[in-house]
PDB file of N, CA and C in Angstrom:
ATOM      1  N   MET A   1      26.182  39.389 -15.285  1.00  0.00           N
ATOM      2  CA  MET A   1      25.845  40.736 -14.876  1.00  0.00           C
ATOM      3  C   MET A   1      27.075  41.624 -15.064  1.00  0.00           C
ATOM      4  N   PRO A   2      26.952  42.724 -15.818  1.00  0.00           N
ATOM      5  CA  PRO A   2      28.080  43.629 -16.009  1.00  0.00           C
ATOM      6  C   PRO A   2      28.445  44.355 -14.714  1.00  0.00           C
ATOM      7  N   ASN A   3      29.744  44.650 -14.559  1.00  0.00           N
ATOM      8  CA  ASN A   3      30.230  45.341 -13.376  1.00  0.00           C
ATOM      9  C   ASN A   3      30.996  46.588 -13.816  1.00  0.00           C
ATOM     10  N   SER A   4      30.593  47.748 -13.309  1.00  0.00           N
ATOM     11  CA  SER A   4      31.276  49.006 -13.609  1.00  0.00           C
ATOM     12  C   SER A   4      31.988  49.467 -12.357  1.00  0.00           C
ATOM     13  N   VAL A   5      33.240  49.930 -12.516  1.00  0.00           N
ATOM     14  CA  VAL A   5      34.043  50.357 -11.371  1.00  0.00           C
ATOM     15  C   VAL A   5      34.452  51.810 -11.563  1.00  0.00           C
ATOM     16  N   ILE A   6      34.207  52.622 -10.541  1.00  0.00           N
ATOM     17  CA  ILE A   6      34.682  53.999 -10.494  1.00  0.00           C
ATOM     18  C   ILE A   6      35.942  53.953  -9.628  1.00  0.00           C
ATOM     19  N   ALA A   7      37.105  54.101 -10.247  1.00  0.00           N
ATOM     20  CA  ALA A   7      38.393  53.934  -9.562  1.00  0.00           C
ATOM     21  C   ALA A   7      38.655  55.057  -8.557  1.00  0.00           C
ATOM     22  N   GLU A   8      39.654  54.810  -7.704  1.00  0.00           N
ATOM     23  CA  GLU A   8      39.987  55.721  -6.614  1.00  0.00           C
ATOM     24  C   GLU A   8      40.276  57.138  -7.082  1.00  0.00           C
ATOM     25  N   ASP A   9      40.874  57.302  -8.240  1.00  0.00           N
ATOM     26  CA  ASP A   9      41.282  58.629  -8.694  1.00  0.00           C
ATOM     27  C   ASP A   9      40.223  59.330  -9.552  1.00  0.00           C
ATOM     28  N   LEU A  10      39.009  58.761  -9.645  1.00  0.00           N
ATOM     29  CA  LEU A  10      37.956  59.352 -10.467  1.00  0.00           C
ATOM     30  C   LEU A  10      36.944  60.114  -9.635  1.00  0.00           C
ATOM     31  N   PHE A  11      36.496  61.251 -10.181  1.00  0.00           N
ATOM     32  CA  PHE A  11      35.382  62.011  -9.626  1.00  0.00           C
ATOM     33  C   PHE A  11      34.371  62.156 -10.745  1.00  0.00           C
ATOM     34  N   ILE A  12      33.168  61.661 -10.521  1.00  0.00           N
ATOM     35  CA  ILE A  12      32.099  61.720 -11.515  1.00  0.00           C
ATOM     36  C   ILE A  12      31.048  62.698 -11.016  1.00  0.00           C
ATOM     37  N   GLU A  13      30.674  63.635 -11.874  1.00  0.00           N
ATOM     38  CA  GLU A  13      29.586  64.548 -11.563  1.00  0.00           C
ATOM     39  C   GLU A  13      28.474  64.258 -12.556  1.00  0.00           C
ATOM     40  N   GLY A  14      27.381  63.665 -12.056  1.00  0.00           N
ATOM     41  CA  GLY A  14      26.276  63.261 -12.922  1.00  0.00           C
ATOM     42  C   GLY A  14      25.681  61.960 -12.439  1.00  0.00           C
ATOM     43  N   ASN A  15      24.566  61.591 -13.024  1.00  0.00           N
ATOM     44  CA  ASN A  15      23.839  60.395 -12.613  1.00  0.00           C
ATOM     45  C   ASN A  15      24.385  59.154 -13.313  1.00  0.00           C
ATOM     46  N   ILE A  16      24.289  58.008 -12.617  1.00  0.00           N
ATOM     47  CA  ILE A  16      24.736  56.727 -13.151  1.00  0.00           C
ATOM     48  C   ILE A  16      23.552  55.762 -13.089  1.00  0.00           C
ATOM     49  N   LYS A  17      23.272  55.079 -14.214  1.00  0.00           N
ATOM     50  CA  LYS A  17      22.196  54.086 -14.265  1.00  0.00           C
ATOM     51  C   LYS A  17      22.719  52.810 -14.885  1.00  0.00           C
ATOM     52  N   SER A  18      22.422  51.680 -14.247  1.00  0.00           N
ATOM     53  CA  SER A  18      22.767  50.369 -14.776  1.00  0.00           C
ATOM     54  C   SER A  18      21.604  49.438 -14.441  1.00  0.00           C
ATOM     55  N   ALA A  19      20.752  49.198 -15.416  1.00  0.00           N
ATOM     56  CA  ALA A  19      19.514  48.445 -15.193  1.00  0.00           C
ATOM     57  C   ALA A  19      19.753  47.010 -14.757  1.00  0.00           C
ATOM     58  N   GLU A  20      20.801  46.367 -15.285  1.00  0.00           N
ATOM     59  CA  GLU A  20      21.017  44.956 -14.986  1.00  0.00           C
ATOM     60  C   GLU A  20      22.406  44.675 -14.444  1.00  0.00           C
ATOM     61  N   GLY A  21      23.138  45.697 -14.042  1.00  0.00           N
ATOM     62  CA  GLY A  21      24.508  45.493 -13.612  1.00  0.00           C
ATOM     63  C   GLY A  21      24.777  46.019 -12.219  1.00  0.00           C
ATOM     64  N   SER A  22      26.057  45.951 -11.867  1.00  0.00           N
ATOM     65  CA  SER A  22      26.477  46.447 -10.563  1.00  0.00           C
ATOM     66  C   SER A  22      27.467  47.594 -10.755  1.00  0.00           C
ATOM     67  N   VAL A  23      27.504  48.473  -9.764  1.00  0.00           N
ATOM     68  CA  VAL A  23      28.404  49.612  -9.782  1.00  0.00           C
ATOM     69  C   VAL A  23      29.227  49.562  -8.501  1.00  0.00           C
ATOM     70  N   GLU A  24      30.544  49.662  -8.650  1.00  0.00           N
ATOM     71  CA  GLU A  24      31.450  49.664  -7.507  1.00  0.00           C
ATOM     72  C   GLU A  24      32.135  51.026  -7.468  1.00  0.00           C
ATOM     73  N   ILE A  25      31.974  51.728  -6.358  1.00  0.00           N
ATOM     74  CA  ILE A  25      32.504  53.080  -6.209  1.00  0.00           C
ATOM     75  C   ILE A  25      33.712  53.039  -5.282  1.00  0.00           C
ATOM     76  N   LYS A  26      34.875  53.351  -5.842  1.00  0.00           N
ATOM     77  CA  LYS A  26      36.095  53.484  -5.047  1.00  0.00           C
ATOM     78  C   LYS A  26      36.508  54.954  -4.979  1.00  0.00           C
ATOM     79  N   GLY A  27      36.030  55.746  -5.934  1.00  0.00           N
ATOM     80  CA  GLY A  27      36.314  57.176  -6.004  1.00  0.00           C
ATOM     81  C   GLY A  27      35.132  57.971  -5.466  1.00  0.00           C
ATOM     82  N   SER A  28      34.778  59.068  -6.157  1.00  0.00           N
ATOM     83  CA  SER A  28      33.692  59.944  -5.702  1.00  0.00           C
ATOM     84  C   SER A  28      32.670  60.159  -6.809  1.00  0.00           C
ATOM     85  N   VAL A  29      31.398  60.190  -6.405  1.00  0.00           N
ATOM     86  CA  VAL A  29      30.306  60.469  -7.329  1.00  0.00           C
ATOM     87  C   VAL A  29      29.417  61.523  -6.699  1.00  0.00           C
ATOM     88  N   SER A  30      29.157  62.584  -7.465  1.00  0.00           N
ATOM     89  CA  SER A  30      28.189  63.592  -7.072  1.00  0.00           C
ATOM     90  C   SER A  30      27.030  63.464  -8.043  1.00  0.00           C
ATOM     91  N   GLY A  31      26.021  62.723  -7.650  1.00  0.00           N
ATOM     92  CA  GLY A  31      24.881  62.435  -8.514  1.00  0.00           C
ATOM     93  C   GLY A  31      24.171  61.185  -8.027  1.00  0.00           C
ATOM     94  N   ASP A  32      23.067  60.869  -8.650  1.00  0.00           N
ATOM     95  CA  ASP A  32      22.257  59.721  -8.256  1.00  0.00           C
ATOM     96  C   ASP A  32      22.777  58.455  -8.925  1.00  0.00           C
ATOM     97  N   ILE A  33      22.691  57.332  -8.195  1.00  0.00           N
ATOM     98  CA  ILE A  33      23.099  56.040  -8.729  1.00  0.00           C
ATOM     99  C   ILE A  33      21.924  55.070  -8.620  1.00  0.00           C
ATOM    100  N   THR A  34      21.542  54.507  -9.759  1.00  0.00           N
ATOM    101  CA  THR A  34      20.511  53.478  -9.813  1.00  0.00           C
ATOM    102  C   THR A  34      21.138  52.265 -10.481  1.00  0.00           C
ATOM    103  N   ALA A  35      21.176  51.144  -9.754  1.00  0.00           N
ATOM    104  CA  ALA A  35      21.769  49.919 -10.285  1.00  0.00           C
ATOM    105  C   ALA A  35      21.169  48.724  -9.565  1.00  0.00           C
ATOM    106  N   LEU A  36      21.295  47.573 -10.182  1.00  0.00           N
ATOM    107  CA  LEU A  36      20.842  46.347  -9.531  1.00  0.00           C
ATOM    108  C   LEU A  36      21.577  46.176  -8.205  1.00  0.00           C
ATOM    109  N   SER A  37      22.897  46.432  -8.220  1.00  0.00           N
ATOM    110  CA  SER A  37      23.727  46.312  -7.025  1.00  0.00           C
ATOM    111  C   SER A  37      24.740  47.450  -7.012  1.00  0.00           C
ATOM    112  N   THR A  38      24.919  48.081  -5.849  1.00  0.00           N
ATOM    113  CA  THR A  38      25.904  49.143  -5.700  1.00  0.00           C
ATOM    114  C   THR A  38      26.750  48.859  -4.473  1.00  0.00           C
ATOM    115  N   VAL A  39      28.074  48.995  -4.631  1.00  0.00           N
ATOM    116  CA  VAL A  39      29.013  48.852  -3.520  1.00  0.00           C
ATOM    117  C   VAL A  39      29.830  50.138  -3.441  1.00  0.00           C
ATOM    118  N   VAL A  40      29.820  50.781  -2.278  1.00  0.00           N
ATOM    119  CA  VAL A  40      30.650  51.958  -2.046  1.00  0.00           C
ATOM    120  C   VAL A  40      31.778  51.499  -1.133  1.00  0.00           C
ATOM    121  N   ARG A  41      32.979  51.408  -1.687  1.00  0.00           N
ATOM    122  CA  ARG A  41      34.135  50.911  -0.931  1.00  0.00           C
ATOM    123  C   ARG A  41      34.587  51.914   0.127  1.00  0.00           C
ATOM    124  N   ALA A  42      35.492  51.481   1.010  1.00  0.00           N
ATOM    125  CA  ALA A  42      35.921  52.275   2.161  1.00  0.00           C
ATOM    126  C   ALA A  42      36.426  53.661   1.777  1.00  0.00           C
ATOM    127  N   GLY A  43      37.110  53.825   0.676  1.00  0.00           N
ATOM    128  CA  GLY A  43      37.592  55.145   0.265  1.00  0.00           C
ATOM    129  C   GLY A  43      36.612  55.893  -0.617  1.00  0.00           C
ATOM    130  N   GLY A  44      35.476  55.279  -0.922  1.00  0.00           N
ATOM    131  CA  GLY A  44      34.504  55.869  -1.838  1.00  0.00           C
ATOM    132  C   GLY A  44      33.551  56.832  -1.158  1.00  0.00           C
ATOM    133  N   HIS A  45      32.985  57.736  -1.968  1.00  0.00           N
ATOM    134  CA  HIS A  45      32.051  58.736  -1.466  1.00  0.00           C
ATOM    135  C   HIS A  45      30.983  58.987  -2.520  1.00  0.00           C
ATOM    136  N   VAL A  46      29.726  58.950  -2.092  1.00  0.00           N
ATOM    137  CA  VAL A  46      28.603  59.250  -2.976  1.00  0.00           C
ATOM    138  C   VAL A  46      27.764  60.336  -2.333  1.00  0.00           C
ATOM    139  N   GLN A  47      27.506  61.393  -3.110  1.00  0.00           N
ATOM    140  CA  GLN A  47      26.603  62.448  -2.665  1.00  0.00           C
ATOM    141  C   GLN A  47      25.451  62.478  -3.656  1.00  0.00           C
ATOM    142  N   GLY A  48      24.306  61.920  -3.235  1.00  0.00           N
ATOM    143  CA  GLY A  48      23.147  61.811  -4.109  1.00  0.00           C
ATOM    144  C   GLY A  48      22.300  60.626  -3.675  1.00  0.00           C
ATOM    145  N   ALA A  49      21.292  60.324  -4.453  1.00  0.00           N
ATOM    146  CA  ALA A  49      20.386  59.219  -4.142  1.00  0.00           C
ATOM    147  C   ALA A  49      20.990  57.892  -4.612  1.00  0.00           C
ATOM    148  N   LEU A  50      20.854  56.859  -3.779  1.00  0.00           N
ATOM    149  CA  LEU A  50      21.238  55.494  -4.135  1.00  0.00           C
ATOM    150  C   LEU A  50      19.968  54.660  -4.169  1.00  0.00           C
ATOM    151  N   SER A  51      19.781  53.884  -5.238  1.00  0.00           N
ATOM    152  CA  SER A  51      18.625  52.990  -5.279  1.00  0.00           C
ATOM    153  C   SER A  51      18.984  51.741  -6.071  1.00  0.00           C
ATOM    154  N   GLY A  52      18.368  50.633  -5.663  1.00  0.00           N
ATOM    155  CA  GLY A  52      18.592  49.360  -6.324  1.00  0.00           C
ATOM    156  C   GLY A  52      18.178  48.205  -5.444  1.00  0.00           C
ATOM    157  N   LYS A  53      18.472  47.002  -5.894  1.00  0.00           N
ATOM    158  CA  LYS A  53      18.128  45.812  -5.125  1.00  0.00           C
ATOM    159  C   LYS A  53      19.030  45.657  -3.915  1.00  0.00           C
ATOM    160  N   THR A  54      20.354  45.698  -4.106  1.00  0.00           N
ATOM    161  CA  THR A  54      21.277  45.560  -2.982  1.00  0.00           C
ATOM    162  C   THR A  54      22.259  46.730  -2.958  1.00  0.00           C
ATOM    163  N   VAL A  55      22.550  47.201  -1.747  1.00  0.00           N
ATOM    164  CA  VAL A  55      23.528  48.259  -1.546  1.00  0.00           C
ATOM    165  C   VAL A  55      24.435  47.840  -0.399  1.00  0.00           C
ATOM    166  N   VAL A  56      25.748  47.931  -0.634  1.00  0.00           N
ATOM    167  CA  VAL A  56      26.745  47.664   0.396  1.00  0.00           C
ATOM    168  C   VAL A  56      27.534  48.954   0.594  1.00  0.00           C
ATOM    169  N   LEU A  57      27.563  49.444   1.828  1.00  0.00           N
ATOM    170  CA  LEU A  57      28.280  50.677   2.125  1.00  0.00           C
ATOM    171  C   LEU A  57      29.442  50.395   3.063  1.00  0.00           C
ATOM    172  N   GLU A  58      30.632  50.674   2.571  1.00  0.00           N
ATOM    173  CA  GLU A  58      31.840  50.621   3.386  1.00  0.00           C
ATOM    174  C   GLU A  58      32.382  52.035   3.563  1.00  0.00           C
ATOM    175  N   GLY A  59      32.043  52.913   2.620  1.00  0.00           N
ATOM    176  CA  GLY A  59      32.531  54.281   2.608  1.00  0.00           C
ATOM    177  C   GLY A  59      31.482  55.266   3.067  1.00  0.00           C
ATOM    178  N   ARG A  60      31.436  56.425   2.407  1.00  0.00           N
ATOM    179  CA  ARG A  60      30.578  57.525   2.835  1.00  0.00           C
ATOM    180  C   ARG A  60      29.457  57.770   1.837  1.00  0.00           C
ATOM    181  N   HIS A  61      28.258  58.038   2.360  1.00  0.00           N
ATOM    182  CA  HIS A  61      27.110  58.358   1.513  1.00  0.00           C
ATOM    183  C   HIS A  61      26.309  59.484   2.140  1.00  0.00           C
ATOM    184  N   GLN A  62      25.962  60.474   1.315  1.00  0.00           N
ATOM    185  CA  GLN A  62      25.099  61.577   1.725  1.00  0.00           C
ATOM    186  C   GLN A  62      23.973  61.682   0.704  1.00  0.00           C
ATOM    187  N   GLY A  63      22.734  61.646   1.168  1.00  0.00           N
ATOM    188  CA  GLY A  63      21.597  61.738   0.254  1.00  0.00           C
ATOM    189  C   GLY A  63      20.452  60.883   0.735  1.00  0.00           C
ATOM    190  N   THR A  64      19.791  60.185  -0.192  1.00  0.00           N
ATOM    191  CA  THR A  64      18.735  59.246   0.161  1.00  0.00           C
ATOM    192  C   THR A  64      19.142  57.862  -0.320  1.00  0.00           C
ATOM    193  N   LEU A  65      18.569  56.849   0.331  1.00  0.00           N
ATOM    194  CA  LEU A  65      18.930  55.468   0.006  1.00  0.00           C
ATOM    195  C   LEU A  65      17.677  54.617   0.019  1.00  0.00           C
ATOM    196  N   GLN A  66      17.421  53.923  -1.088  1.00  0.00           N
ATOM    197  CA  GLN A  66      16.267  53.035  -1.180  1.00  0.00           C
ATOM    198  C   GLN A  66      16.712  51.738  -1.833  1.00  0.00           C
ATOM    199  N   CYS A  67      16.530  50.613  -1.098  1.00  0.00           N
ATOM    200  CA  CYS A  67      16.945  49.315  -1.630  1.00  0.00           C
ATOM    201  C   CYS A  67      16.189  48.201  -0.928  1.00  0.00           C
ATOM    202  N   ASP A  68      16.354  46.972  -1.447  1.00  0.00           N
ATOM    203  CA  ASP A  68      15.779  45.807  -0.793  1.00  0.00           C
ATOM    204  C   ASP A  68      16.680  45.360   0.360  1.00  0.00           C
ATOM    205  N   ASP A  69      17.979  45.193   0.071  1.00  0.00           N
ATOM    206  CA  ASP A  69      18.930  44.683   1.063  1.00  0.00           C
ATOM    207  C   ASP A  69      20.079  45.666   1.232  1.00  0.00           C
ATOM    208  N   LEU A  70      20.283  46.119   2.463  1.00  0.00           N
ATOM    209  CA  LEU A  70      21.347  47.075   2.774  1.00  0.00           C
ATOM    210  C   LEU A  70      22.326  46.450   3.751  1.00  0.00           C
ATOM    211  N   THR A  71      23.621  46.569   3.437  1.00  0.00           N
ATOM    212  CA  THR A  71      24.681  46.108   4.332  1.00  0.00           C
ATOM    213  C   THR A  71      25.581  47.290   4.645  1.00  0.00           C
ATOM    214  N   LEU A  72      25.772  47.555   5.937  1.00  0.00           N
ATOM    215  CA  LEU A  72      26.638  48.639   6.393  1.00  0.00           C
ATOM    216  C   LEU A  72      27.829  48.034   7.122  1.00  0.00           C
ATOM    217  N   SER A  73      29.027  48.298   6.624  1.00  0.00           N
ATOM    218  CA  SER A  73      30.228  47.783   7.280  1.00  0.00           C
ATOM    219  C   SER A  73      30.604  48.711   8.432  1.00  0.00           C
ATOM    220  N   ALA A  74      31.592  48.303   9.202  1.00  0.00           N
ATOM    221  CA  ALA A  74      32.049  49.089  10.355  1.00  0.00           C
ATOM    222  C   ALA A  74      32.609  50.446   9.933  1.00  0.00           C
ATOM    223  N   THR A  75      33.057  50.583   8.685  1.00  0.00           N
ATOM    224  CA  THR A  75      33.649  51.836   8.202  1.00  0.00           C
ATOM    225  C   THR A  75      32.634  52.747   7.522  1.00  0.00           C
ATOM    226  N   ALA A  76      31.367  52.338   7.447  1.00  0.00           N
ATOM    227  CA  ALA A  76      30.336  53.116   6.753  1.00  0.00           C
ATOM    228  C   ALA A  76      30.010  54.394   7.522  1.00  0.00           C
ATOM    229  N   ASN A  77      29.832  55.477   6.763  1.00  0.00           N
ATOM    230  CA  ASN A  77      29.414  56.756   7.319  1.00  0.00           C
ATOM    231  C   ASN A  77      28.273  57.243   6.434  1.00  0.00           C
ATOM    232  N   VAL A  78      27.054  57.239   6.977  1.00  0.00           N
ATOM    233  CA  VAL A  78      25.864  57.506   6.176  1.00  0.00           C
ATOM    234  C   VAL A  78      25.100  58.687   6.746  1.00  0.00           C
ATOM    235  N   GLU A  79      24.867  59.688   5.907  1.00  0.00           N
ATOM    236  CA  GLU A  79      23.990  60.812   6.223  1.00  0.00           C
ATOM    237  C   GLU A  79      22.859  60.748   5.211  1.00  0.00           C
ATOM    238  N   ALA A  80      21.814  59.961   5.531  1.00  0.00           N
ATOM    239  CA  ALA A  80      20.766  59.710   4.549  1.00  0.00           C
ATOM    240  C   ALA A  80      19.483  59.264   5.227  1.00  0.00           C
ATOM    241  N   ASN A  81      18.382  59.484   4.532  1.00  0.00           N
ATOM    242  CA  ASN A  81      17.126  58.856   4.900  1.00  0.00           C
ATOM    243  C   ASN A  81      17.097  57.529   4.159  1.00  0.00           C
ATOM    244  N   ILE A  82      16.911  56.446   4.930  1.00  0.00           N
ATOM    245  CA  ILE A  82      17.055  55.094   4.398  1.00  0.00           C
ATOM    246  C   ILE A  82      15.698  54.392   4.381  1.00  0.00           C
ATOM    247  N   SER A  83      15.412  53.718   3.260  1.00  0.00           N
ATOM    248  CA  SER A  83      14.248  52.854   3.134  1.00  0.00           C
ATOM    249  C   SER A  83      14.747  51.523   2.586  1.00  0.00           C
ATOM    250  N   ALA A  84      14.589  50.451   3.384  1.00  0.00           N
ATOM    251  CA  ALA A  84      15.085  49.134   2.987  1.00  0.00           C
ATOM    252  C   ALA A  84      14.189  48.047   3.554  1.00  0.00           C
ATOM    253  N   GLN A  85      14.273  46.849   2.956  1.00  0.00           N
ATOM    254  CA  GLN A  85      13.532  45.713   3.486  1.00  0.00           C
ATOM    255  C   GLN A  85      14.331  44.974   4.545  1.00  0.00           C
ATOM    256  N   THR A  86      15.649  44.847   4.332  1.00  0.00           N
ATOM    257  CA  THR A  86      16.514  44.234   5.333  1.00  0.00           C
ATOM    258  C   THR A  86      17.762  45.083   5.487  1.00  0.00           C
ATOM    259  N   VAL A  87      18.256  45.178   6.722  1.00  0.00           N
ATOM    260  CA  VAL A  87      19.467  45.949   7.010  1.00  0.00           C
ATOM    261  C   VAL A  87      20.375  45.106   7.887  1.00  0.00           C
ATOM    262  N   THR A  88      21.639  45.028   7.479  1.00  0.00           N
ATOM    263  CA  THR A  88      22.673  44.382   8.283  1.00  0.00           C
ATOM    264  C   THR A  88      23.736  45.435   8.546  1.00  0.00           C
ATOM    265  N   ALA A  89      24.037  45.675   9.826  1.00  0.00           N
ATOM    266  CA  ALA A  89      25.014  46.706  10.170  1.00  0.00           C
ATOM    267  C   ALA A  89      26.043  46.148  11.139  1.00  0.00           C
ATOM    268  N   GLN A  90      27.316  46.392  10.828  1.00  0.00           N
ATOM    269  CA  GLN A  90      28.382  46.006  11.740  1.00  0.00           C
ATOM    270  C   GLN A  90      28.565  47.090  12.789  1.00  0.00           C
ATOM    271  N   SER A  91      29.087  46.697  13.931  1.00  0.00           N
ATOM    272  CA  SER A  91      29.393  47.645  14.989  1.00  0.00           C
ATOM    273  C   SER A  91      30.396  48.664  14.472  1.00  0.00           C
ATOM    274  N   GLY A  92      30.108  49.938  14.697  1.00  0.00           N
ATOM    275  CA  GLY A  92      30.980  51.010  14.240  1.00  0.00           C
ATOM    276  C   GLY A  92      30.401  51.793  13.080  1.00  0.00           C
ATOM    277  N   ALA A  93      29.415  51.236  12.368  1.00  0.00           N
ATOM    278  CA  ALA A  93      28.777  51.962  11.273  1.00  0.00           C
ATOM    279  C   ALA A  93      28.086  53.201  11.838  1.00  0.00           C
ATOM    280  N   GLU A  94      28.254  54.336  11.150  1.00  0.00           N
ATOM    281  CA  GLU A  94      27.656  55.595  11.588  1.00  0.00           C
ATOM    282  C   GLU A  94      26.502  55.966  10.671  1.00  0.00           C
ATOM    283  N   ILE A  95      25.326  56.227  11.277  1.00  0.00           N
ATOM    284  CA  ILE A  95      24.134  56.582  10.518  1.00  0.00           C
ATOM    285  C   ILE A  95      23.534  57.844  11.117  1.00  0.00           C
ATOM    286  N   ASP A  96      23.301  58.852  10.266  1.00  0.00           N
ATOM    287  CA  ASP A  96      22.636  60.078  10.668  1.00  0.00           C
ATOM    288  C   ASP A  96      21.485  60.288   9.700  1.00  0.00           C
ATOM    289  N   GLY A  97      20.267  60.045  10.164  1.00  0.00           N
ATOM    290  CA  GLY A  97      19.095  60.169   9.307  1.00  0.00           C
ATOM    291  C   GLY A  97      18.006  59.234   9.761  1.00  0.00           C
ATOM    292  N   ALA A  98      16.907  59.240   9.065  1.00  0.00           N
ATOM    293  CA  ALA A  98      15.767  58.385   9.383  1.00  0.00           C
ATOM    294  C   ALA A  98      15.924  57.056   8.660  1.00  0.00           C
ATOM    295  N   MET A  99      15.456  55.982   9.333  1.00  0.00           N
ATOM    296  CA  MET A  99      15.514  54.656   8.724  1.00  0.00           C
ATOM    297  C   MET A  99      14.131  54.033   8.760  1.00  0.00           C
ATOM    298  N   HIS A 100      13.658  53.620   7.583  1.00  0.00           N
ATOM    299  CA  HIS A 100      12.358  52.963   7.459  1.00  0.00           C
ATOM    300  C   HIS A 100      12.614  51.550   6.943  1.00  0.00           C
ATOM    301  N   ILE A 101      12.275  50.549   7.744  1.00  0.00           N
ATOM    302  CA  ILE A 101      12.462  49.156   7.348  1.00  0.00           C
ATOM    303  C   ILE A 101      11.085  48.533   7.165  1.00  0.00           C
ATOM    304  N   CYS A 102      10.838  48.046   5.941  1.00  0.00           N
ATOM    305  CA  CYS A 102       9.544  47.440   5.656  1.00  0.00           C
ATOM    306  C   CYS A 102       9.765  46.051   5.090  1.00  0.00           C
ATOM    307  N   ALA A 103       9.122  45.054   5.678  1.00  0.00           N
ATOM    308  CA  ALA A 103       9.254  43.670   5.227  1.00  0.00           C
ATOM    309  C   ALA A 103       8.487  43.474   3.923  1.00  0.00           C
ATOM    310  N   LYS A 104       8.935  42.479   3.152  1.00  0.00           N
ATOM    311  CA  LYS A 104       8.246  42.132   1.908  1.00  0.00           C
ATOM    312  C   LYS A 104       6.842  41.658   2.226  1.00  0.00           C
ATOM    313  N   ALA A 105       5.920  42.007   1.349  1.00  0.00           N
ATOM    314  CA  ALA A 105       4.517  41.615   1.558  1.00  0.00           C
ATOM    315  C   ALA A 105       4.298  40.190   1.137  1.00  0.00           C
TER     316      ALA A 105
END
């Protein structure tokens, strides 16, 4: 599986799509991200929609979030409407928005 990294000193304005890969955000993205797996690191920031199979948030996200498996670390700051099948959140994670959890059929 290919892995794309947005480094700490990068700011991307636009959408990112990776049908079979993962995206790791250490910098900032203003746009939608669709990937098999997305990780937003502690210093990372995404403003836009996140969608994919797995999403790990350590940093900041503003927008909408749709995934199968969501992991929120203690440093996560989320302002989003969330739709996920499973959610794991550490103590300290901040969430502002609606959360819809639906189990697999």
